[in-house]
Amino acid sequence: MIASDTKAVLFAAGLMFLYALVLGVLKFRQVAASPQGQAHPYIDTAHRAALMYSFAIGLTATFVQFSGFPQAVDLAAAGALIVFFVAAVVGYNVQGLRGQTANQFRDGEGPPGLHGFMWALIAAEIGGLLVLLAGFVTGSSSSCEPSADGIVLQPGSRGRPGHRRGPRHGQHAGVRARRGDRGF
């Protein structure tokens, strides 16, 4: 069963992927209209960053799902990552639509507060990921146990005391993931 915080993060991944697809349309239009056959560098960057960030957010959902930390901690850490991922892509998009520069750092200070924003982005992204990795390590050590058949995942607990969920739709209590038997 997917926890509600994981669903929220996966939904954010889907929205970022949708944004990447829309940026792809904008990039296509700019390529088609350009005599050089190229989109503005920041539109190109926004498109590629949105694609990569959508998958990074999907990976983040995995850390959230298997975290041993409370949902509020996981959502705060994942939210910090997502907010700055979105802010970076929106910033690239705005720079590309304005078309005033191909490198906002080279042109002096750039937009007001750019360097402060970059330091906040660095702290939030690295800090958020470190929190999620720590939660994953603590959660995965308490919700997985080795067996002769592979790894037995204890369903639903996410490694959190008091958060047990029972089997659903006729599943047995232990879900086994073995080589060659992935449940597909």
N, C-alpha and C. Protein backbone atom coordinates (compact mmCIF):
# COMPACT_ATOMS: atom_id res chain seq x y z
N MET A 1 0.84 -1.18 0.00
CA MET A 1 0.00 0.00 0.00
C MET A 1 0.89 1.24 0.00
N ILE A 2 0.54 2.20 -0.79
CA ILE A 2 1.32 3.43 -0.87
C ILE A 2 0.78 4.43 0.15
N ALA A 3 1.67 4.97 0.96
CA ALA A 3 1.28 5.93 1.99
C ALA A 3 0.88 7.26 1.35
N SER A 4 0.10 8.04 2.09
CA SER A 4 -0.41 9.31 1.55
C SER A 4 0.71 10.30 1.24
N ASP A 5 1.76 10.32 2.05
CA ASP A 5 2.87 11.23 1.77
C ASP A 5 3.60 10.82 0.49
N THR A 6 3.71 9.52 0.27
CA THR A 6 4.33 9.04 -0.96
C THR A 6 3.48 9.39 -2.17
N LYS A 7 2.16 9.26 -2.04
CA LYS A 7 1.25 9.63 -3.13
C LYS A 7 1.41 11.11 -3.48
N ALA A 8 1.54 11.95 -2.46
CA ALA A 8 1.70 13.39 -2.70
C ALA A 8 2.99 13.67 -3.48
N VAL A 9 4.07 12.99 -3.10
CA VAL A 9 5.34 13.20 -3.79
C VAL A 9 5.27 12.66 -5.22
N LEU A 10 4.64 11.50 -5.41
CA LEU A 10 4.48 10.96 -6.77
C LEU A 10 3.61 11.87 -7.63
N PHE A 11 2.59 12.47 -7.02
CA PHE A 11 1.75 13.43 -7.76
C PHE A 11 2.59 14.63 -8.21
N ALA A 12 3.46 15.10 -7.32
CA ALA A 12 4.36 16.20 -7.68
C ALA A 12 5.28 15.79 -8.83
N ALA A 13 5.75 14.55 -8.81
CA ALA A 13 6.59 14.05 -9.92
C ALA A 13 5.81 14.07 -11.22
N GLY A 14 4.55 13.66 -11.16
CA GLY A 14 3.70 13.69 -12.36
C GLY A 14 3.47 15.10 -12.87
N LEU A 15 3.26 16.04 -11.96
CA LEU A 15 3.08 17.43 -12.38
C LEU A 15 4.35 18.00 -13.00
N MET A 16 5.51 17.66 -12.43
CA MET A 16 6.77 18.13 -13.00
C MET A 16 6.98 17.51 -14.38
N PHE A 17 6.61 16.25 -14.55
CA PHE A 17 6.74 15.60 -15.86
C PHE A 17 5.82 16.28 -16.87
N LEU A 18 4.60 16.62 -16.44
CA LEU A 18 3.67 17.35 -17.32
C LEU A 18 4.27 18.70 -17.70
N TYR A 19 4.86 19.40 -16.74
CA TYR A 19 5.50 20.69 -17.02
C TYR A 19 6.62 20.49 -18.04
N ALA A 20 7.39 19.42 -17.92
CA ALA A 20 8.47 19.12 -18.88
C ALA A 20 7.90 18.92 -20.28
N LEU A 21 6.78 18.24 -20.38
CA LEU A 21 6.17 18.01 -21.69
C LEU A 21 5.68 19.31 -22.31
N VAL A 22 5.09 20.18 -21.49
CA VAL A 22 4.65 21.49 -21.99
C VAL A 22 5.85 22.32 -22.42
N LEU A 23 6.93 22.27 -21.63
CA LEU A 23 8.16 22.98 -22.02
C LEU A 23 8.72 22.42 -23.33
N GLY A 24 8.54 21.13 -23.55
CA GLY A 24 8.96 20.52 -24.81
C GLY A 24 8.22 21.12 -26.00
N VAL A 25 6.94 21.42 -25.82
CA VAL A 25 6.16 22.07 -26.88
C VAL A 25 6.71 23.47 -27.13
N LEU A 26 6.99 24.22 -26.05
CA LEU A 26 7.57 25.56 -26.19
C LEU A 26 8.93 25.49 -26.89
N LYS A 27 9.73 24.53 -26.51
CA LYS A 27 11.05 24.36 -27.13
C LYS A 27 10.89 24.05 -28.62
N PHE A 28 9.97 23.16 -28.95
CA PHE A 28 9.71 22.84 -30.36
C PHE A 28 9.30 24.08 -31.14
N ARG A 29 8.43 24.89 -30.57
CA ARG A 29 7.97 26.11 -31.25
C ARG A 29 9.14 27.06 -31.49
N GLN A 30 10.01 27.21 -30.49
CA GLN A 30 11.16 28.09 -30.66
C GLN A 30 12.15 27.54 -31.69
N VAL A 31 12.35 26.25 -31.70
CA VAL A 31 13.24 25.62 -32.69
C VAL A 31 12.68 25.83 -34.09
N ALA A 32 11.38 25.64 -34.24
CA ALA A 32 10.74 25.77 -35.55
C ALA A 32 10.77 27.22 -36.05
N ALA A 33 10.72 28.19 -35.14
CA ALA A 33 10.68 29.60 -35.53
C ALA A 33 12.07 30.22 -35.66
N SER A 34 13.11 29.54 -35.17
CA SER A 34 14.45 30.11 -35.15
C SER A 34 15.19 29.85 -36.46
N PRO A 35 15.85 30.88 -37.02
CA PRO A 35 16.66 30.66 -38.23
C PRO A 35 17.82 29.68 -37.98
N GLN A 36 18.31 29.63 -36.73
CA GLN A 36 19.40 28.72 -36.39
C GLN A 36 18.87 27.33 -36.01
N GLY A 37 17.57 27.17 -35.90
CA GLY A 37 16.99 25.90 -35.52
C GLY A 37 17.24 25.52 -34.07
N GLN A 38 17.33 26.53 -33.20
CA GLN A 38 17.59 26.28 -31.78
C GLN A 38 16.64 27.07 -30.92
N ALA A 39 16.29 26.49 -29.79
CA ALA A 39 15.52 27.21 -28.79
C ALA A 39 16.49 28.06 -27.97
N HIS A 40 15.94 29.01 -27.23
CA HIS A 40 16.78 29.80 -26.32
C HIS A 40 17.45 28.84 -25.34
N PRO A 41 18.72 29.07 -24.99
CA PRO A 41 19.43 28.15 -24.09
C PRO A 41 18.70 27.90 -22.76
N TYR A 42 18.03 28.91 -22.22
CA TYR A 42 17.33 28.69 -20.95
C TYR A 42 16.03 27.90 -21.13
N ILE A 43 15.41 27.97 -22.28
CA ILE A 43 14.25 27.11 -22.55
C ILE A 43 14.72 25.67 -22.67
N ASP A 44 15.83 25.47 -23.36
CA ASP A 44 16.41 24.14 -23.48
C ASP A 44 16.77 23.59 -22.10
N THR A 45 17.39 24.42 -21.27
CA THR A 45 17.76 24.02 -19.92
C THR A 45 16.53 23.71 -19.07
N ALA A 46 15.51 24.56 -19.17
CA ALA A 46 14.28 24.33 -18.40
C ALA A 46 13.64 23.00 -18.78
N HIS A 47 13.61 22.71 -20.08
CA HIS A 47 13.01 21.47 -20.55
C HIS A 47 13.78 20.26 -20.00
N ARG A 48 15.09 20.27 -20.14
CA ARG A 48 15.89 19.14 -19.67
C ARG A 48 15.85 19.02 -18.15
N ALA A 49 15.91 20.15 -17.45
CA ALA A 49 15.87 20.12 -15.98
C ALA A 49 14.53 19.58 -15.49
N ALA A 50 13.44 19.99 -16.11
CA ALA A 50 12.13 19.49 -15.69
C ALA A 50 12.02 17.98 -15.89
N LEU A 51 12.55 17.50 -17.01
CA LEU A 51 12.55 16.05 -17.24
C LEU A 51 13.34 15.33 -16.15
N MET A 52 14.54 15.81 -15.88
CA MET A 52 15.39 15.16 -14.87
C MET A 52 14.79 15.29 -13.47
N TYR A 53 14.28 16.46 -13.13
CA TYR A 53 13.69 16.66 -11.81
C TYR A 53 12.45 15.80 -11.61
N SER A 54 11.67 15.57 -12.67
CA SER A 54 10.49 14.73 -12.51
C SER A 54 10.89 13.32 -12.06
N PHE A 55 11.96 12.80 -12.62
CA PHE A 55 12.42 11.48 -12.21
C PHE A 55 13.11 11.53 -10.85
N ALA A 56 13.77 12.64 -10.54
CA ALA A 56 14.37 12.79 -9.21
C ALA A 56 13.28 12.83 -8.13
N ILE A 57 12.16 13.47 -8.44
CA ILE A 57 11.05 13.50 -7.48
C ILE A 57 10.46 12.10 -7.32
N GLY A 58 10.39 11.35 -8.42
CA GLY A 58 9.93 9.96 -8.33
C GLY A 58 10.84 9.13 -7.44
N LEU A 59 12.14 9.32 -7.55
CA LEU A 59 13.09 8.63 -6.68
C LEU A 59 12.91 9.08 -5.23
N THR A 60 12.65 10.36 -5.04
CA THR A 60 12.39 10.89 -3.70
C THR A 60 11.20 10.18 -3.06
N ALA A 61 10.19 9.87 -3.86
CA ALA A 61 9.01 9.16 -3.34
C ALA A 61 9.40 7.80 -2.76
N THR A 62 10.38 7.15 -3.35
CA THR A 62 10.84 5.86 -2.82
C THR A 62 11.44 6.03 -1.43
N PHE A 63 12.25 7.06 -1.25
CA PHE A 63 12.83 7.31 0.07
C PHE A 63 11.74 7.64 1.08
N VAL A 64 10.74 8.40 0.66
CA VAL A 64 9.63 8.75 1.55
C VAL A 64 8.85 7.50 1.95
N GLN A 65 8.55 6.64 0.98
CA GLN A 65 7.76 5.44 1.25
C GLN A 65 8.42 4.53 2.28
N PHE A 66 9.73 4.39 2.21
CA PHE A 66 10.42 3.45 3.08
C PHE A 66 11.12 4.13 4.26
N SER A 67 10.75 5.35 4.56
CA SER A 67 11.38 6.09 5.64
C SER A 67 10.89 5.61 7.00
N GLY A 68 11.76 5.71 7.96
CA GLY A 68 11.39 5.42 9.34
C GLY A 68 11.00 6.66 10.11
N PHE A 69 11.03 7.81 9.47
CA PHE A 69 10.70 9.07 10.12
C PHE A 69 9.20 9.36 10.03
N PRO A 70 8.67 10.24 10.88
CA PRO A 70 7.26 10.61 10.79
C PRO A 70 6.95 11.27 9.43
N GLN A 71 5.71 11.14 9.01
CA GLN A 71 5.29 11.69 7.72
C GLN A 71 5.57 13.18 7.61
N ALA A 72 5.40 13.93 8.69
CA ALA A 72 5.64 15.38 8.64
C ALA A 72 7.10 15.68 8.29
N VAL A 73 8.02 14.90 8.84
CA VAL A 73 9.44 15.09 8.54
C VAL A 73 9.71 14.77 7.08
N ASP A 74 9.17 13.65 6.62
CA ASP A 74 9.35 13.25 5.22
C ASP A 74 8.77 14.28 4.25
N LEU A 75 7.57 14.76 4.56
CA LEU A 75 6.94 15.76 3.68
C LEU A 75 7.71 17.07 3.68
N ALA A 76 8.24 17.47 4.83
CA ALA A 76 9.02 18.71 4.88
C ALA A 76 10.30 18.57 4.06
N ALA A 77 10.99 17.44 4.21
CA ALA A 77 12.24 17.23 3.46
C ALA A 77 11.96 17.12 1.96
N ALA A 78 10.96 16.33 1.59
CA ALA A 78 10.62 16.18 0.17
C ALA A 78 10.08 17.50 -0.38
N GLY A 79 9.31 18.21 0.43
CA GLY A 79 8.77 19.50 -0.01
C GLY A 79 9.86 20.51 -0.29
N ALA A 80 10.90 20.51 0.53
CA ALA A 80 12.02 21.43 0.29
C ALA A 80 12.67 21.13 -1.05
N LEU A 81 12.90 19.84 -1.32
CA LEU A 81 13.47 19.47 -2.62
C LEU A 81 12.56 19.93 -3.76
N ILE A 82 11.29 19.60 -3.66
CA ILE A 82 10.35 19.87 -4.74
C ILE A 82 10.20 21.36 -4.98
N VAL A 83 10.07 22.14 -3.91
CA VAL A 83 9.91 23.60 -4.07
C VAL A 83 11.10 24.19 -4.82
N PHE A 84 12.30 23.78 -4.47
CA PHE A 84 13.47 24.34 -5.15
C PHE A 84 13.66 23.77 -6.55
N PHE A 85 13.27 22.52 -6.78
CA PHE A 85 13.28 21.99 -8.15
C PHE A 85 12.36 22.82 -9.04
N VAL A 86 11.15 23.06 -8.55
CA VAL A 86 10.18 23.83 -9.32
C VAL A 86 10.67 25.26 -9.52
N ALA A 87 11.19 25.87 -8.46
CA ALA A 87 11.67 27.25 -8.57
C ALA A 87 12.79 27.37 -9.59
N ALA A 88 13.69 26.40 -9.62
CA ALA A 88 14.79 26.44 -10.60
C ALA A 88 14.25 26.36 -12.02
N VAL A 89 13.32 25.44 -12.26
CA VAL A 89 12.78 25.29 -13.62
C VAL A 89 12.00 26.52 -14.02
N VAL A 90 11.20 27.07 -13.12
CA VAL A 90 10.45 28.29 -13.43
C VAL A 90 11.42 29.43 -13.73
N GLY A 91 12.51 29.52 -12.95
CA GLY A 91 13.51 30.56 -13.21
C GLY A 91 14.13 30.42 -14.59
N TYR A 92 14.48 29.20 -14.97
CA TYR A 92 15.03 28.96 -16.31
C TYR A 92 14.00 29.34 -17.38
N ASN A 93 12.76 28.96 -17.14
CA ASN A 93 11.69 29.24 -18.08
C ASN A 93 11.52 30.75 -18.28
N VAL A 94 11.48 31.49 -17.18
CA VAL A 94 11.33 32.95 -17.25
C VAL A 94 12.51 33.57 -18.00
N GLN A 95 13.73 33.14 -17.68
CA GLN A 95 14.91 33.67 -18.38
C GLN A 95 14.83 33.38 -19.88
N GLY A 96 14.37 32.19 -20.24
CA GLY A 96 14.25 31.84 -21.65
C GLY A 96 13.18 32.64 -22.37
N LEU A 97 12.06 32.90 -21.69
CA LEU A 97 11.00 33.70 -22.32
C LEU A 97 11.41 35.15 -22.47
N ARG A 98 12.15 35.66 -21.49
CA ARG A 98 12.65 37.04 -21.60
C ARG A 98 13.70 37.17 -22.71
N GLY A 99 14.53 36.15 -22.84
CA GLY A 99 15.53 36.14 -23.89
C GLY A 99 16.62 37.19 -23.73
N GLN A 100 16.82 37.68 -22.51
CA GLN A 100 17.78 38.76 -22.31
C GLN A 100 19.21 38.27 -22.11
N THR A 101 19.39 37.04 -21.69
CA THR A 101 20.73 36.54 -21.42
C THR A 101 20.78 35.04 -21.66
N ALA A 102 21.96 34.55 -21.95
CA ALA A 102 22.18 33.10 -22.05
C ALA A 102 22.90 32.59 -20.81
N ASN A 103 23.29 33.54 -19.89
CA ASN A 103 23.96 33.15 -18.66
C ASN A 103 23.72 34.25 -17.63
N GLN A 104 22.76 34.02 -16.74
CA GLN A 104 22.40 35.05 -15.77
C GLN A 104 23.50 35.31 -14.74
N PHE A 105 24.43 34.38 -14.56
CA PHE A 105 25.52 34.60 -13.62
C PHE A 105 26.63 35.44 -14.24
N ARG A 106 26.80 35.32 -15.53
CA ARG A 106 27.86 36.06 -16.21
C ARG A 106 27.54 37.55 -16.28
N ASP A 107 26.26 37.86 -16.34
CA ASP A 107 25.83 39.25 -16.53
C ASP A 107 25.66 39.97 -15.20
N GLY A 108 26.75 40.08 -14.45
CA GLY A 108 26.71 40.79 -13.18
C GLY A 108 26.02 39.98 -12.11
N GLU A 109 25.28 40.62 -11.28
CA GLU A 109 24.57 39.98 -10.18
C GLU A 109 23.40 39.15 -10.66
N GLY A 110 22.90 39.41 -11.86
CA GLY A 110 21.72 38.71 -12.34
C GLY A 110 20.49 39.26 -11.64
N PRO A 111 19.42 38.48 -11.60
CA PRO A 111 18.23 38.95 -10.88
C PRO A 111 18.58 39.20 -9.41
N PRO A 112 17.95 40.18 -8.78
CA PRO A 112 18.23 40.46 -7.37
C PRO A 112 18.01 39.21 -6.50
N GLY A 113 18.95 38.96 -5.63
CA GLY A 113 18.83 37.82 -4.72
C GLY A 113 19.22 36.48 -5.31
N LEU A 114 19.79 36.47 -6.53
CA LEU A 114 20.11 35.21 -7.19
C LEU A 114 21.09 34.38 -6.38
N HIS A 115 22.14 35.00 -5.88
CA HIS A 115 23.15 34.23 -5.14
C HIS A 115 22.58 33.71 -3.81
N GLY A 116 21.77 34.50 -3.15
CA GLY A 116 21.11 34.03 -1.92
C GLY A 116 20.18 32.87 -2.20
N PHE A 117 19.44 32.98 -3.31
CA PHE A 117 18.56 31.88 -3.72
C PHE A 117 19.37 30.62 -3.98
N MET A 118 20.51 30.75 -4.63
CA MET A 118 21.33 29.58 -4.95
C MET A 118 21.84 28.90 -3.68
N TRP A 119 22.25 29.69 -2.67
CA TRP A 119 22.71 29.10 -1.42
C TRP A 119 21.56 28.41 -0.70
N ALA A 120 20.37 29.01 -0.73
CA ALA A 120 19.20 28.38 -0.12
C ALA A 120 18.85 27.08 -0.85
N LEU A 121 18.93 27.09 -2.18
CA LEU A 121 18.67 25.91 -2.99
C LEU A 121 19.64 24.79 -2.62
N ILE A 122 20.91 25.12 -2.52
CA ILE A 122 21.93 24.13 -2.18
C ILE A 122 21.63 23.51 -0.81
N ALA A 123 21.34 24.36 0.17
CA ALA A 123 21.06 23.86 1.53
C ALA A 123 19.79 23.01 1.56
N ALA A 124 18.73 23.46 0.89
CA ALA A 124 17.46 22.73 0.92
C ALA A 124 17.56 21.40 0.18
N GLU A 125 18.19 21.40 -0.99
CA GLU A 125 18.26 20.17 -1.76
C GLU A 125 19.17 19.13 -1.10
N ILE A 126 20.35 19.54 -0.68
CA ILE A 126 21.26 18.58 -0.04
C ILE A 126 20.73 18.19 1.33
N GLY A 127 20.28 19.17 2.11
CA GLY A 127 19.73 18.87 3.44
C GLY A 127 18.49 18.00 3.37
N GLY A 128 17.59 18.31 2.45
CA GLY A 128 16.38 17.49 2.30
C GLY A 128 16.70 16.06 1.93
N LEU A 129 17.63 15.89 1.01
CA LEU A 129 18.01 14.53 0.61
C LEU A 129 18.69 13.79 1.76
N LEU A 130 19.55 14.47 2.51
CA LEU A 130 20.20 13.81 3.65
C LEU A 130 19.17 13.34 4.68
N VAL A 131 18.16 14.14 4.94
CA VAL A 131 17.09 13.74 5.87
C VAL A 131 16.37 12.51 5.33
N LEU A 132 16.02 12.53 4.04
CA LEU A 132 15.30 11.40 3.45
C LEU A 132 16.16 10.13 3.42
N LEU A 133 17.45 10.28 3.14
CA LEU A 133 18.33 9.12 3.16
C LEU A 133 18.45 8.54 4.57
N ALA A 134 18.55 9.40 5.56
CA ALA A 134 18.61 8.92 6.95
C ALA A 134 17.32 8.20 7.32
N GLY A 135 16.19 8.75 6.92
CA GLY A 135 14.91 8.09 7.19
C GLY A 135 14.80 6.76 6.47
N PHE A 136 15.31 6.72 5.25
CA PHE A 136 15.30 5.47 4.47
C PHE A 136 16.15 4.41 5.16
N VAL A 137 17.34 4.79 5.63
CA VAL A 137 18.22 3.83 6.28
C VAL A 137 17.57 3.31 7.57
N THR A 138 16.99 4.19 8.36
CA THR A 138 16.37 3.73 9.60
C THR A 138 15.10 2.93 9.31
N GLY A 139 14.34 3.33 8.32
CA GLY A 139 13.11 2.62 8.00
C GLY A 139 13.34 1.30 7.32
N SER A 140 14.30 1.25 6.41
CA SER A 140 14.53 0.01 5.68
C SER A 140 15.17 -1.05 6.57
N SER A 141 15.91 -0.64 7.59
CA SER A 141 16.53 -1.63 8.47
C SER A 141 15.49 -2.28 9.38
N SER A 142 14.37 -1.60 9.61
CA SER A 142 13.37 -2.19 10.49
C SER A 142 12.21 -2.80 9.73
N SER A 143 12.10 -2.60 8.42
CA SER A 143 10.96 -3.15 7.69
C SER A 143 11.36 -4.23 6.70
N CYS A 144 12.64 -4.57 6.63
CA CYS A 144 13.11 -5.62 5.74
C CYS A 144 13.90 -6.63 6.56
N GLU A 145 13.69 -7.88 6.25
CA GLU A 145 14.50 -8.89 6.91
C GLU A 145 14.92 -9.94 5.90
N PRO A 146 16.17 -10.36 5.96
CA PRO A 146 16.64 -11.36 5.00
C PRO A 146 16.00 -12.71 5.27
N SER A 147 15.83 -13.48 4.21
CA SER A 147 15.35 -14.85 4.34
C SER A 147 16.02 -15.68 3.25
N ALA A 148 15.80 -16.98 3.29
CA ALA A 148 16.40 -17.86 2.28
C ALA A 148 15.87 -17.56 0.89
N ASP A 149 14.65 -17.00 0.81
CA ASP A 149 14.03 -16.71 -0.48
C ASP A 149 14.34 -15.31 -1.00
N GLY A 150 15.05 -14.52 -0.27
CA GLY A 150 15.32 -13.14 -0.68
C GLY A 150 15.06 -12.22 0.49
N ILE A 151 14.43 -11.09 0.23
CA ILE A 151 14.12 -10.12 1.27
C ILE A 151 12.62 -10.13 1.51
N VAL A 152 12.22 -10.22 2.76
CA VAL A 152 10.81 -10.17 3.11
C VAL A 152 10.51 -8.75 3.55
N LEU A 153 9.59 -8.11 2.86
CA LEU A 153 9.17 -6.76 3.22
C LEU A 153 7.94 -6.86 4.10
N GLN A 154 7.98 -6.24 5.24
CA GLN A 154 6.82 -6.23 6.12
C GLN A 154 5.86 -5.18 5.58
N PRO A 155 4.66 -5.56 5.19
CA PRO A 155 3.77 -4.64 4.48
C PRO A 155 3.30 -3.49 5.33
N GLY A 156 3.34 -2.32 4.77
CA GLY A 156 2.67 -1.15 5.30
C GLY A 156 3.30 -0.43 6.46
N SER A 157 4.22 -1.01 7.19
CA SER A 157 4.68 -0.36 8.41
C SER A 157 5.54 0.84 8.13
N ARG A 158 6.24 0.84 7.01
CA ARG A 158 7.20 1.88 6.67
C ARG A 158 8.22 2.04 7.79
N GLY A 159 8.36 1.01 8.64
CA GLY A 159 9.35 1.05 9.71
C GLY A 159 8.91 1.91 10.88
N ARG A 160 7.63 2.26 10.94
CA ARG A 160 7.14 3.15 11.98
C ARG A 160 6.30 2.38 12.99
N PRO A 161 6.62 2.46 14.26
CA PRO A 161 5.78 1.80 15.26
C PRO A 161 4.38 2.39 15.25
N GLY A 162 3.39 1.54 15.36
CA GLY A 162 2.01 2.01 15.41
C GLY A 162 1.41 2.35 14.06
N HIS A 163 2.11 2.10 12.99
CA HIS A 163 1.59 2.41 11.66
C HIS A 163 1.48 1.15 10.82
N ARG A 164 1.04 0.05 11.42
CA ARG A 164 0.90 -1.20 10.70
C ARG A 164 -0.35 -1.17 9.85
N ARG A 165 -0.24 -1.65 8.65
CA ARG A 165 -1.40 -1.81 7.78
C ARG A 165 -1.48 -3.28 7.44
N GLY A 166 -2.65 -3.81 7.41
CA GLY A 166 -2.83 -5.22 7.11
C GLY A 166 -2.75 -5.48 5.62
N PRO A 167 -2.80 -6.76 5.24
CA PRO A 167 -2.78 -7.11 3.83
C PRO A 167 -4.04 -6.61 3.13
N ARG A 168 -3.94 -6.39 1.85
CA ARG A 168 -5.11 -5.92 1.12
C ARG A 168 -5.34 -6.82 -0.09
N HIS A 169 -6.56 -6.89 -0.50
CA HIS A 169 -6.97 -7.63 -1.69
C HIS A 169 -6.43 -9.05 -1.70
N GLY A 170 -6.57 -9.76 -0.58
CA GLY A 170 -6.21 -11.17 -0.54
C GLY A 170 -4.72 -11.47 -0.44
N GLN A 171 -3.87 -10.46 -0.22
CA GLN A 171 -2.45 -10.73 -0.09
C GLN A 171 -2.19 -11.42 1.24
N HIS A 172 -1.12 -12.21 1.29
CA HIS A 172 -0.73 -12.79 2.56
C HIS A 172 0.09 -11.77 3.34
N ALA A 173 0.33 -12.02 4.61
CA ALA A 173 0.95 -11.02 5.48
C ALA A 173 2.36 -10.65 5.09
N GLY A 174 3.13 -11.54 4.52
CA GLY A 174 4.50 -11.23 4.10
C GLY A 174 4.58 -11.19 2.58
N VAL A 175 5.10 -10.10 2.05
CA VAL A 175 5.25 -9.99 0.60
C VAL A 175 6.68 -10.38 0.27
N ARG A 176 6.84 -11.41 -0.53
CA ARG A 176 8.18 -11.89 -0.85
C ARG A 176 8.61 -11.41 -2.21
N ALA A 177 9.81 -10.85 -2.27
CA ALA A 177 10.40 -10.44 -3.55
C ALA A 177 11.57 -11.38 -3.80
N ARG A 178 11.39 -12.34 -4.70
CA ARG A 178 12.45 -13.29 -5.02
C ARG A 178 12.90 -13.08 -6.45
N ARG A 179 14.09 -13.54 -6.72
CA ARG A 179 14.57 -13.51 -8.11
C ARG A 179 13.62 -14.34 -8.96
N GLY A 180 13.18 -13.77 -10.06
CA GLY A 180 12.31 -14.48 -10.97
C GLY A 180 10.84 -14.47 -10.54
N ASP A 181 10.52 -13.99 -9.33
CA ASP A 181 9.13 -13.93 -8.87
C ASP A 181 8.87 -12.52 -8.35
N ARG A 182 8.58 -11.62 -9.23
CA ARG A 182 8.39 -10.22 -8.87
C ARG A 182 6.92 -9.84 -8.72
N GLY A 183 6.03 -10.80 -8.91
CA GLY A 183 4.61 -10.50 -8.72
C GLY A 183 3.98 -9.83 -9.93
N PHE A 184 4.64 -9.87 -11.09
CA PHE A 184 4.09 -9.24 -12.28
C PHE A 184 3.30 -10.25 -13.07
